[in-house]
Amino acid sequence: MKLETVKKNLEDRGYTVRLFPTGAEAADYLEGAVTGMTVGFGGSVTLDALGLYERLGKRCKTIWHWKWEDAAAARREAQTADIYLTSVNALAETGELVNIDGAGNRVASTLFGHKKVYFVIGRNKLAPTVDAAVWRARNIASPRNAQRLGRKTPCAVKGDRCYDCRSPERICRGLVTLWGPMMGMEAEVLLIDEDLGM
């Protein structure tokens, strides 16, 4: 499916959507859009690959538990930021956004509390249906993230699928599907025609 069709499906659900050929162009856009604001970050390989924390840190107060020494304090402070940046584990071509989280800070910020949330999404996150998006989040994104974090879970060891394990190191503890933007909070999706993130 073409990104233009996905864009229309997202817009029909109430999102503001922008298409970018490259991550660099999306980063340029974000730099202009959030200058002077407080920006919280959700854990995201996509955001890290685009160098957004360092880049935006020259123009904004940036808060990210991946970059701060006190991760717990950063998670709490990011909840009060004007703007929140994140990605998704999967995007259904029909317009649903799917995220799995361990600590809950990332999905919580997509649900409430900020003036605006930006979802930065590479084309590799696309799945044809919401069921396929949930499958992708559980069986592709989560095992890769568990491996990246060095977790001792069956999915990290084998890297092939979710085992719905009961490991204390399990990183997938909650799943959120957004059918549209939450009331009272602006939401913008930046669709990038490159593979980004897990």
Foldseek 3Di string as FASTA:
>chain_A
DDVVLLCVLQVVQPAAEDEAQALQVVLVVVLVVQFAWEEEEDDFQQCVVSVNQVVNVVGHRYAYLVPDPNSVVSLVVNLQTQEYEYAALAAASNRKGKHFFAPCSVVVSQADRHQEYEYEYEPVRYDHHPVRNVQSSFFQQQLVVCLVVVHDDPCVVVVGGHPVDPDPRRGGDDMDMDSHGHPNHHYYYYYYHHDGTD
